[in-house]
Amino acid sequence: MTLTTIDPTPALVVIDLQKGFLEGAEPAIAAVVEPTTRLATAFRRHGLPVVLVNVTGRAPGRTEGARPGAGVPSSPGWADLIDELDVRPTDHLITKRRRSAFHDTGLDTLLRDLGVTQIVLTGISTSAGVESTARSASDHGYHVVLATDAMADRVEGDHRHSVERVFPKLGETATTAEVVAMVEATR
């Protein structure tokens, strides 16, 4: 499914663009910064909500697979949002301790209080934080837009699987340029 419209009150939700994940990251991960900042600029220009999410922990359950970095801060500033996001006083900051930005964070309450009916998602990792948040957003009844060129994963196959197989079941996929053009056209 491609992007059909932007609702009257959408929110941009940026997942885990924080120093601990981006310092020394491979080019595919670092490449999400520019399109995400372009989206944030467009949303701010039109007075639309921008939600910046960082992560400071992980679920305590056991897993069979290794968790690189285990999602736990390892150095001072690890969870700080990257400077390129140019955090503004009007932005909303959410700290999560699980994969989904909706789990025990108050994000749903914030969005409902703002009258948001649609979220545009960006960030890292596509198959973890972004996908989990998209699933939760769908479960909460939001229209979900996934800016696929503004997200990345350490494993390209995982990114591709989410974009091609999972996201079409959860919402609409679009490029940053398509989202920005639709925001401009509907304001």
N, C-alpha and C. Protein backbone atom coordinates (compact mmCIF):
# COMPACT_ATOMS: atom_id res chain seq x y z
N MET A 1 0.85 -1.17 0.00
CA MET A 1 0.00 0.00 0.00
C MET A 1 0.90 1.24 0.00
N THR A 2 0.52 2.20 -0.74
CA THR A 2 1.26 3.46 -0.77
C THR A 2 0.49 4.52 0.01
N LEU A 3 1.14 5.59 0.29
CA LEU A 3 0.54 6.66 1.08
C LEU A 3 -0.66 7.27 0.34
N THR A 4 -1.80 7.29 1.03
CA THR A 4 -3.01 7.83 0.41
C THR A 4 -3.32 9.25 0.89
N THR A 5 -3.04 9.55 2.16
CA THR A 5 -3.30 10.89 2.69
C THR A 5 -2.55 11.09 4.00
N ILE A 6 -2.50 12.32 4.40
CA ILE A 6 -2.02 12.68 5.73
C ILE A 6 -3.23 13.23 6.48
N ASP A 7 -3.50 12.65 7.64
CA ASP A 7 -4.65 13.08 8.45
C ASP A 7 -4.48 14.53 8.92
N PRO A 8 -5.55 15.15 9.39
CA PRO A 8 -5.44 16.52 9.90
C PRO A 8 -4.42 16.67 11.04
N THR A 9 -4.30 15.66 11.89
CA THR A 9 -3.33 15.74 12.98
C THR A 9 -2.48 14.48 13.03
N PRO A 10 -1.43 14.45 12.22
CA PRO A 10 -0.48 13.35 12.30
C PRO A 10 0.65 13.72 13.27
N ALA A 11 1.41 12.73 13.69
CA ALA A 11 2.60 12.98 14.50
C ALA A 11 3.76 12.21 13.87
N LEU A 12 4.92 12.82 13.89
CA LEU A 12 6.15 12.13 13.50
C LEU A 12 6.69 11.48 14.76
N VAL A 13 6.97 10.19 14.70
CA VAL A 13 7.54 9.46 15.84
C VAL A 13 8.88 8.88 15.39
N VAL A 14 9.95 9.36 16.02
CA VAL A 14 11.32 8.99 15.66
C VAL A 14 11.83 8.02 16.72
N ILE A 15 12.24 6.84 16.28
CA ILE A 15 12.65 5.77 17.20
C ILE A 15 14.17 5.63 17.29
N ASP A 16 14.70 5.82 18.49
CA ASP A 16 16.06 5.45 18.89
C ASP A 16 17.20 6.08 18.10
N LEU A 17 17.01 7.29 17.61
CA LEU A 17 18.14 7.99 16.97
C LEU A 17 18.93 8.67 18.09
N GLN A 18 19.74 7.86 18.73
CA GLN A 18 20.50 8.30 19.89
C GLN A 18 21.97 7.97 19.69
N LYS A 19 22.78 8.69 20.44
CA LYS A 19 24.23 8.62 20.25
C LYS A 19 24.78 7.20 20.38
N GLY A 20 24.29 6.43 21.32
CA GLY A 20 24.81 5.08 21.53
C GLY A 20 24.64 4.15 20.35
N PHE A 21 23.62 4.39 19.54
CA PHE A 21 23.38 3.54 18.37
C PHE A 21 24.05 4.08 17.11
N LEU A 22 24.28 5.39 17.06
CA LEU A 22 24.77 5.98 15.82
C LEU A 22 26.27 6.27 15.80
N GLU A 23 26.91 6.35 16.95
CA GLU A 23 28.35 6.59 16.95
C GLU A 23 29.05 5.37 16.35
N GLY A 24 29.75 5.58 15.26
CA GLY A 24 30.46 4.50 14.58
C GLY A 24 29.56 3.53 13.84
N ALA A 25 28.31 3.90 13.62
CA ALA A 25 27.38 3.00 12.93
C ALA A 25 27.74 2.87 11.46
N GLU A 26 27.38 1.74 10.89
CA GLU A 26 27.61 1.52 9.47
C GLU A 26 26.78 2.51 8.66
N PRO A 27 27.17 2.76 7.42
CA PRO A 27 26.52 3.79 6.59
C PRO A 27 25.00 3.63 6.47
N ALA A 28 24.49 2.42 6.38
CA ALA A 28 23.04 2.23 6.22
C ALA A 28 22.29 2.76 7.43
N ILE A 29 22.85 2.60 8.61
CA ILE A 29 22.21 3.10 9.83
C ILE A 29 22.30 4.63 9.86
N ALA A 30 23.48 5.17 9.61
CA ALA A 30 23.69 6.62 9.65
C ALA A 30 22.86 7.34 8.59
N ALA A 31 22.53 6.64 7.50
CA ALA A 31 21.79 7.26 6.40
C ALA A 31 20.36 7.66 6.77
N VAL A 32 19.83 7.19 7.89
CA VAL A 32 18.46 7.55 8.26
C VAL A 32 18.38 8.94 8.87
N VAL A 33 19.51 9.51 9.25
CA VAL A 33 19.51 10.79 9.94
C VAL A 33 18.96 11.91 9.05
N GLU A 34 19.48 12.04 7.84
CA GLU A 34 19.07 13.15 6.96
C GLU A 34 17.59 13.09 6.60
N PRO A 35 17.04 11.95 6.17
CA PRO A 35 15.61 11.95 5.87
C PRO A 35 14.74 12.20 7.11
N THR A 36 15.19 11.72 8.25
CA THR A 36 14.42 11.96 9.47
C THR A 36 14.42 13.44 9.83
N THR A 37 15.54 14.10 9.69
CA THR A 37 15.58 15.53 10.01
C THR A 37 14.73 16.32 9.01
N ARG A 38 14.68 15.86 7.77
CA ARG A 38 13.82 16.51 6.77
C ARG A 38 12.34 16.40 7.16
N LEU A 39 11.96 15.23 7.64
CA LEU A 39 10.58 15.03 8.10
C LEU A 39 10.29 15.90 9.32
N ALA A 40 11.21 15.93 10.27
CA ALA A 40 11.01 16.74 11.48
C ALA A 40 10.86 18.21 11.12
N THR A 41 11.65 18.69 10.19
CA THR A 41 11.56 20.08 9.75
C THR A 41 10.19 20.37 9.16
N ALA A 42 9.69 19.47 8.32
CA ALA A 42 8.37 19.67 7.70
C ALA A 42 7.26 19.65 8.75
N PHE A 43 7.32 18.71 9.67
CA PHE A 43 6.28 18.63 10.70
C PHE A 43 6.31 19.88 11.58
N ARG A 44 7.50 20.29 11.99
CA ARG A 44 7.60 21.49 12.84
C ARG A 44 7.11 22.73 12.11
N ARG A 45 7.45 22.85 10.83
CA ARG A 45 7.03 24.02 10.04
C ARG A 45 5.52 24.19 10.04
N HIS A 46 4.81 23.08 10.11
CA HIS A 46 3.35 23.12 10.08
C HIS A 46 2.72 22.95 11.47
N GLY A 47 3.54 23.03 12.50
CA GLY A 47 3.02 22.93 13.86
C GLY A 47 2.49 21.56 14.22
N LEU A 48 2.99 20.53 13.56
CA LEU A 48 2.55 19.16 13.83
C LEU A 48 3.46 18.52 14.87
N PRO A 49 2.93 17.62 15.68
CA PRO A 49 3.73 17.01 16.75
C PRO A 49 4.91 16.20 16.24
N VAL A 50 6.04 16.38 16.92
CA VAL A 50 7.24 15.60 16.69
C VAL A 50 7.56 14.91 18.01
N VAL A 51 7.62 13.58 17.98
CA VAL A 51 7.90 12.79 19.17
C VAL A 51 9.24 12.09 18.96
N LEU A 52 10.18 12.38 19.85
CA LEU A 52 11.52 11.81 19.77
C LEU A 52 11.66 10.79 20.89
N VAL A 53 11.94 9.55 20.49
CA VAL A 53 11.98 8.43 21.43
C VAL A 53 13.41 7.93 21.56
N ASN A 54 13.85 7.72 22.81
CA ASN A 54 15.12 7.04 23.04
C ASN A 54 14.84 5.81 23.89
N VAL A 55 15.84 4.96 24.01
CA VAL A 55 15.69 3.73 24.80
C VAL A 55 16.79 3.69 25.85
N THR A 56 16.43 3.26 27.05
CA THR A 56 17.42 3.17 28.12
C THR A 56 17.50 1.79 28.75
N GLY A 57 16.78 0.83 28.22
CA GLY A 57 16.80 -0.50 28.80
C GLY A 57 16.22 -1.52 27.86
N ARG A 58 16.00 -2.71 28.40
CA ARG A 58 15.41 -3.78 27.60
C ARG A 58 14.59 -4.67 28.51
N ALA A 59 13.73 -5.46 27.91
CA ALA A 59 12.93 -6.40 28.68
C ALA A 59 13.85 -7.41 29.35
N PRO A 60 13.53 -7.83 30.56
CA PRO A 60 14.43 -8.71 31.29
C PRO A 60 14.36 -10.19 30.89
N GLY A 61 13.43 -10.58 30.05
CA GLY A 61 13.27 -11.99 29.71
C GLY A 61 14.46 -12.59 28.97
N ARG A 62 14.58 -13.89 29.08
CA ARG A 62 15.66 -14.62 28.40
C ARG A 62 15.32 -14.77 26.91
N THR A 63 16.35 -14.78 26.08
CA THR A 63 16.17 -15.04 24.65
C THR A 63 17.24 -16.03 24.20
N GLU A 64 16.99 -16.71 23.11
CA GLU A 64 17.96 -17.64 22.56
C GLU A 64 19.03 -16.90 21.76
N GLY A 65 18.63 -15.84 21.09
CA GLY A 65 19.57 -15.10 20.25
C GLY A 65 20.36 -14.09 21.05
N ALA A 66 21.56 -13.84 20.58
CA ALA A 66 22.40 -12.82 21.21
C ALA A 66 21.80 -11.45 20.95
N ARG A 67 21.95 -10.57 21.89
CA ARG A 67 21.49 -9.19 21.74
C ARG A 67 22.71 -8.28 21.76
N PRO A 68 23.20 -7.89 20.58
CA PRO A 68 24.36 -7.00 20.56
C PRO A 68 24.09 -5.75 21.36
N GLY A 69 24.96 -5.45 22.29
CA GLY A 69 24.80 -4.27 23.12
C GLY A 69 23.69 -4.42 24.14
N ALA A 70 22.86 -5.42 23.98
CA ALA A 70 21.78 -5.74 24.90
C ALA A 70 20.84 -4.57 25.19
N GLY A 71 20.97 -3.48 24.45
CA GLY A 71 20.06 -2.36 24.65
C GLY A 71 20.23 -1.63 25.97
N VAL A 72 21.34 -1.83 26.61
CA VAL A 72 21.59 -1.20 27.90
C VAL A 72 22.68 -0.15 27.74
N PRO A 73 22.47 1.05 28.24
CA PRO A 73 23.48 2.10 28.11
C PRO A 73 24.85 1.63 28.60
N SER A 74 25.86 1.92 27.80
CA SER A 74 27.20 1.47 28.16
C SER A 74 28.18 2.62 28.41
N SER A 75 27.78 3.84 28.14
CA SER A 75 28.67 4.97 28.37
C SER A 75 27.85 6.23 28.63
N PRO A 76 28.46 7.23 29.25
CA PRO A 76 27.72 8.48 29.46
C PRO A 76 27.27 9.06 28.12
N GLY A 77 26.04 9.51 28.07
CA GLY A 77 25.50 10.09 26.84
C GLY A 77 24.96 9.07 25.86
N TRP A 78 25.07 7.80 26.15
CA TRP A 78 24.64 6.73 25.26
C TRP A 78 23.18 6.92 24.80
N ALA A 79 22.31 7.29 25.72
CA ALA A 79 20.88 7.42 25.40
C ALA A 79 20.49 8.81 24.92
N ASP A 80 21.46 9.74 24.84
CA ASP A 80 21.15 11.09 24.38
C ASP A 80 20.76 11.09 22.91
N LEU A 81 19.74 11.87 22.58
CA LEU A 81 19.35 12.00 21.18
C LEU A 81 20.48 12.67 20.40
N ILE A 82 20.62 12.30 19.13
CA ILE A 82 21.69 12.86 18.31
C ILE A 82 21.45 14.35 18.07
N ASP A 83 22.52 15.10 17.96
CA ASP A 83 22.44 16.55 17.79
C ASP A 83 21.68 16.95 16.53
N GLU A 84 21.79 16.15 15.47
CA GLU A 84 21.14 16.48 14.20
C GLU A 84 19.63 16.59 14.32
N LEU A 85 19.03 15.98 15.33
CA LEU A 85 17.58 16.09 15.51
C LEU A 85 17.16 17.48 15.94
N ASP A 86 18.12 18.27 16.42
CA ASP A 86 17.85 19.67 16.78
C ASP A 86 16.59 19.78 17.64
N VAL A 87 16.61 19.10 18.78
CA VAL A 87 15.45 19.05 19.66
C VAL A 87 14.94 20.46 19.98
N ARG A 88 13.65 20.63 19.81
CA ARG A 88 13.00 21.93 20.05
C ARG A 88 12.11 21.84 21.29
N PRO A 89 11.82 22.98 21.91
CA PRO A 89 10.94 22.98 23.08
C PRO A 89 9.54 22.40 22.80
N THR A 90 9.12 22.47 21.55
CA THR A 90 7.79 21.95 21.18
C THR A 90 7.79 20.44 20.95
N ASP A 91 8.97 19.83 20.85
CA ASP A 91 9.05 18.39 20.64
C ASP A 91 8.63 17.65 21.91
N HIS A 92 8.16 16.46 21.74
CA HIS A 92 7.77 15.60 22.86
C HIS A 92 8.81 14.50 22.99
N LEU A 93 9.34 14.31 24.19
CA LEU A 93 10.39 13.33 24.43
C LEU A 93 9.82 12.15 25.20
N ILE A 94 10.09 10.96 24.69
CA ILE A 94 9.62 9.73 25.31
C ILE A 94 10.84 8.83 25.52
N THR A 95 10.96 8.27 26.71
CA THR A 95 12.01 7.28 26.98
C THR A 95 11.34 5.93 27.17
N LYS A 96 11.81 4.96 26.41
CA LYS A 96 11.24 3.61 26.51
C LYS A 96 12.27 2.65 27.11
N ARG A 97 11.77 1.57 27.65
CA ARG A 97 12.63 0.54 28.23
C ARG A 97 12.33 -0.82 27.62
N ARG A 98 11.56 -0.81 26.56
CA ARG A 98 11.19 -2.02 25.82
C ARG A 98 11.31 -1.69 24.33
N ARG A 99 11.00 -2.63 23.48
CA ARG A 99 11.10 -2.37 22.04
C ARG A 99 10.09 -1.34 21.57
N SER A 100 8.84 -1.46 21.99
CA SER A 100 7.79 -0.57 21.51
C SER A 100 7.76 0.74 22.29
N ALA A 101 7.62 1.83 21.58
CA ALA A 101 7.51 3.14 22.23
C ALA A 101 6.18 3.31 22.95
N PHE A 102 5.25 2.39 22.76
CA PHE A 102 3.95 2.47 23.44
C PHE A 102 3.96 1.77 24.79
N HIS A 103 4.88 0.85 25.02
CA HIS A 103 4.86 0.03 26.23
C HIS A 103 5.30 0.83 27.46
N ASP A 104 4.36 1.09 28.37
CA ASP A 104 4.64 1.77 29.65
C ASP A 104 5.33 3.12 29.50
N THR A 105 4.94 3.90 28.49
CA THR A 105 5.59 5.21 28.29
C THR A 105 4.64 6.39 28.32
N GLY A 106 3.37 6.16 28.19
CA GLY A 106 2.42 7.27 28.10
C GLY A 106 2.28 7.82 26.70
N LEU A 107 2.92 7.18 25.70
CA LEU A 107 2.84 7.69 24.33
C LEU A 107 1.41 7.73 23.81
N ASP A 108 0.64 6.67 24.05
CA ASP A 108 -0.73 6.66 23.56
C ASP A 108 -1.54 7.81 24.16
N THR A 109 -1.40 8.04 25.45
CA THR A 109 -2.12 9.14 26.11
C THR A 109 -1.71 10.48 25.53
N LEU A 110 -0.40 10.67 25.34
CA LEU A 110 0.10 11.92 24.74
C LEU A 110 -0.53 12.15 23.37
N LEU A 111 -0.46 11.13 22.51
CA LEU A 111 -0.99 11.28 21.16
C LEU A 111 -2.49 11.55 21.16
N ARG A 112 -3.23 10.85 21.98
CA ARG A 112 -4.68 11.07 22.05
C ARG A 112 -4.99 12.47 22.56
N ASP A 113 -4.23 12.93 23.58
CA ASP A 113 -4.43 14.29 24.10
C ASP A 113 -4.18 15.35 23.03
N LEU A 114 -3.26 15.04 22.09
CA LEU A 114 -2.95 15.97 21.00
C LEU A 114 -3.91 15.82 19.82
N GLY A 115 -4.81 14.86 19.88
CA GLY A 115 -5.77 14.63 18.79
C GLY A 115 -5.17 13.90 17.60
N VAL A 116 -4.05 13.22 17.80
CA VAL A 116 -3.36 12.51 16.72
C VAL A 116 -4.13 11.26 16.33
N THR A 117 -4.29 11.06 15.03
CA THR A 117 -4.94 9.85 14.50
C THR A 117 -4.01 9.05 13.59
N GLN A 118 -2.86 9.64 13.26
CA GLN A 118 -1.93 9.01 12.33
C GLN A 118 -0.51 9.27 12.80
N ILE A 119 0.34 8.23 12.73
CA ILE A 119 1.74 8.44 13.04
C ILE A 119 2.61 8.08 11.84
N VAL A 120 3.66 8.87 11.66
CA VAL A 120 4.68 8.60 10.65
C VAL A 120 5.89 8.13 11.43
N LEU A 121 6.36 6.93 11.13
CA LEU A 121 7.47 6.33 11.87
C LEU A 121 8.78 6.35 11.10
N THR A 122 9.86 6.65 11.84
CA THR A 122 11.22 6.57 11.31
C THR A 122 12.10 6.00 12.41
N GLY A 123 13.34 5.68 12.08
CA GLY A 123 14.30 5.32 13.11
C GLY A 123 15.00 4.00 12.90
N ILE A 124 15.57 3.53 14.01
CA ILE A 124 16.31 2.26 14.02
C ILE A 124 15.87 1.46 15.23
N SER A 125 15.95 0.26 15.18
CA SER A 125 16.16 -0.65 14.08
C SER A 125 14.81 -1.03 13.47
N THR A 126 14.80 -1.15 12.17
CA THR A 126 13.57 -1.43 11.45
C THR A 126 12.83 -2.62 12.04
N SER A 127 13.55 -3.73 12.25
CA SER A 127 12.90 -4.97 12.68
C SER A 127 12.68 -5.05 14.19
N ALA A 128 13.13 -4.06 14.93
CA ALA A 128 12.98 -4.10 16.39
C ALA A 128 12.11 -2.92 16.85
N GLY A 129 12.73 -1.81 17.21
CA GLY A 129 11.99 -0.68 17.75
C GLY A 129 10.94 -0.12 16.81
N VAL A 130 11.27 0.01 15.53
CA VAL A 130 10.31 0.58 14.58
C VAL A 130 9.15 -0.39 14.37
N GLU A 131 9.46 -1.65 14.10
CA GLU A 131 8.39 -2.62 13.85
C GLU A 131 7.50 -2.81 15.09
N SER A 132 8.11 -2.91 16.26
CA SER A 132 7.32 -3.08 17.48
C SER A 132 6.40 -1.89 17.71
N THR A 133 6.91 -0.70 17.48
CA THR A 133 6.09 0.50 17.65
C THR A 133 4.98 0.54 16.60
N ALA A 134 5.28 0.14 15.37
CA ALA A 134 4.25 0.10 14.32
C ALA A 134 3.15 -0.89 14.68
N ARG A 135 3.54 -2.04 15.19
CA ARG A 135 2.53 -3.04 15.59
C ARG A 135 1.63 -2.48 16.70
N SER A 136 2.26 -1.85 17.69
CA SER A 136 1.49 -1.28 18.80
C SER A 136 0.59 -0.15 18.31
N ALA A 137 1.10 0.70 17.42
CA ALA A 137 0.29 1.80 16.88
C ALA A 137 -0.93 1.25 16.16
N SER A 138 -0.72 0.22 15.38
CA SER A 138 -1.83 -0.42 14.67
C SER A 138 -2.83 -0.99 15.67
N ASP A 139 -2.34 -1.66 16.70
CA ASP A 139 -3.22 -2.23 17.73
C ASP A 139 -4.01 -1.14 18.45
N HIS A 140 -3.42 0.05 18.60
CA HIS A 140 -4.09 1.16 19.26
C HIS A 140 -5.04 1.91 18.32
N GLY A 141 -5.07 1.53 17.04
CA GLY A 141 -6.01 2.12 16.11
C GLY A 141 -5.53 3.34 15.34
N TYR A 142 -4.22 3.60 15.37
CA TYR A 142 -3.68 4.73 14.60
C TYR A 142 -3.50 4.32 13.14
N HIS A 143 -3.60 5.30 12.25
CA HIS A 143 -3.17 5.09 10.87
C HIS A 143 -1.65 5.17 10.92
N VAL A 144 -0.99 4.19 10.35
CA VAL A 144 0.47 4.10 10.44
C VAL A 144 1.08 4.33 9.06
N VAL A 145 2.05 5.24 9.02
CA VAL A 145 2.83 5.49 7.81
C VAL A 145 4.27 5.19 8.15
N LEU A 146 4.92 4.41 7.33
CA LEU A 146 6.30 4.00 7.57
C LEU A 146 7.19 4.60 6.50
N ALA A 147 8.02 5.55 6.90
CA ALA A 147 8.94 6.23 5.97
C ALA A 147 10.15 5.31 5.78
N THR A 148 10.08 4.45 4.79
CA THR A 148 11.02 3.34 4.68
C THR A 148 12.46 3.76 4.37
N ASP A 149 12.66 4.94 3.80
CA ASP A 149 14.04 5.38 3.55
C ASP A 149 14.60 6.14 4.75
N ALA A 150 13.81 6.27 5.80
CA ALA A 150 14.24 6.95 7.02
C ALA A 150 14.32 5.94 8.18
N MET A 151 14.58 4.70 7.83
CA MET A 151 14.78 3.64 8.83
C MET A 151 15.79 2.65 8.31
N ALA A 152 16.45 1.98 9.23
CA ALA A 152 17.46 0.99 8.84
C ALA A 152 17.63 -0.03 9.96
N ASP A 153 18.30 -1.10 9.60
CA ASP A 153 18.55 -2.21 10.51
C ASP A 153 19.98 -2.66 10.31
N ARG A 154 20.59 -3.21 11.33
CA ARG A 154 21.96 -3.72 11.20
C ARG A 154 22.04 -4.88 10.20
N VAL A 155 20.94 -5.60 10.05
CA VAL A 155 20.88 -6.73 9.12
C VAL A 155 19.93 -6.35 7.99
N GLU A 156 20.47 -6.18 6.80
CA GLU A 156 19.66 -5.73 5.65
C GLU A 156 18.48 -6.66 5.39
N GLY A 157 18.67 -7.97 5.55
CA GLY A 157 17.57 -8.92 5.33
C GLY A 157 16.42 -8.70 6.31
N ASP A 158 16.75 -8.34 7.55
CA ASP A 158 15.71 -8.05 8.54
C ASP A 158 14.94 -6.79 8.15
N HIS A 159 15.67 -5.77 7.70
CA HIS A 159 15.03 -4.53 7.24
C HIS A 159 14.08 -4.83 6.09
N ARG A 160 14.58 -5.55 5.10
CA ARG A 160 13.77 -5.89 3.92
C ARG A 160 12.52 -6.67 4.30
N HIS A 161 12.68 -7.64 5.21
CA HIS A 161 11.52 -8.45 5.64
C HIS A 161 10.45 -7.56 6.27
N SER A 162 10.85 -6.66 7.16
CA SER A 162 9.88 -5.77 7.79
C SER A 162 9.18 -4.90 6.76
N VAL A 163 9.97 -4.29 5.87
CA VAL A 163 9.41 -3.36 4.88
C VAL A 163 8.50 -4.07 3.88
N GLU A 164 8.93 -5.22 3.41
CA GLU A 164 8.19 -5.91 2.34
C GLU A 164 7.07 -6.81 2.85
N ARG A 165 7.24 -7.43 4.01
CA ARG A 165 6.29 -8.44 4.46
C ARG A 165 5.41 -7.99 5.62
N VAL A 166 5.98 -7.22 6.55
CA VAL A 166 5.24 -6.86 7.76
C VAL A 166 4.52 -5.53 7.62
N PHE A 167 5.23 -4.50 7.19
CA PHE A 167 4.65 -3.15 7.18
C PHE A 167 3.39 -3.00 6.33
N PRO A 168 3.30 -3.66 5.17
CA PRO A 168 2.06 -3.52 4.41
C PRO A 168 0.82 -4.03 5.16
N LYS A 169 1.02 -4.87 6.16
CA LYS A 169 -0.10 -5.38 6.97
C LYS A 169 -0.45 -4.42 8.11
N LEU A 170 0.46 -3.48 8.40
CA LEU A 170 0.27 -2.58 9.54
C LEU A 170 -0.11 -1.16 9.13
N GLY A 171 0.19 -0.79 7.90
CA GLY A 171 -0.09 0.58 7.48
C GLY A 171 0.32 0.83 6.05
N GLU A 172 0.72 2.06 5.79
CA GLU A 172 1.14 2.46 4.46
C GLU A 172 2.63 2.78 4.47
N THR A 173 3.31 2.41 3.41
CA THR A 173 4.73 2.71 3.29
C THR A 173 4.90 3.86 2.29
N ALA A 174 5.94 4.66 2.54
CA ALA A 174 6.21 5.79 1.66
C ALA A 174 7.66 6.21 1.84
N THR A 175 8.14 7.00 0.92
CA THR A 175 9.46 7.60 1.06
C THR A 175 9.31 8.92 1.82
N THR A 176 10.42 9.42 2.30
CA THR A 176 10.42 10.72 2.97
C THR A 176 9.87 11.79 2.04
N ALA A 177 10.31 11.79 0.80
CA ALA A 177 9.85 12.79 -0.17
C ALA A 177 8.33 12.73 -0.34
N GLU A 178 7.77 11.52 -0.40
CA GLU A 178 6.32 11.37 -0.55
C GLU A 178 5.58 11.90 0.69
N VAL A 179 6.12 11.60 1.88
CA VAL A 179 5.46 12.09 3.10
C VAL A 179 5.53 13.61 3.16
N VAL A 180 6.71 14.18 2.90
CA VAL A 180 6.85 15.64 2.95
C VAL A 180 5.92 16.29 1.92
N ALA A 181 5.87 15.76 0.72
CA ALA A 181 4.99 16.32 -0.31
C ALA A 181 3.53 16.26 0.12
N MET A 182 3.12 15.16 0.75
CA MET A 182 1.74 15.02 1.21
C MET A 182 1.45 15.96 2.37
N VAL A 183 2.41 16.13 3.27
CA VAL A 183 2.22 17.10 4.36
C VAL A 183 2.03 18.49 3.78
N GLU A 184 2.88 18.87 2.84
CA GLU A 184 2.78 20.19 2.21
C GLU A 184 1.46 20.35 1.47
N ALA A 185 1.01 19.32 0.79
CA ALA A 185 -0.21 19.40 -0.01
C ALA A 185 -1.48 19.45 0.84
N THR A 186 -1.40 18.94 2.07
CA THR A 186 -2.60 18.88 2.90
C THR A 186 -2.64 19.97 3.97
N ARG A 187 -1.73 20.91 3.93
CA ARG A 187 -1.72 21.99 4.94
C ARG A 187 -2.19 23.27 4.35
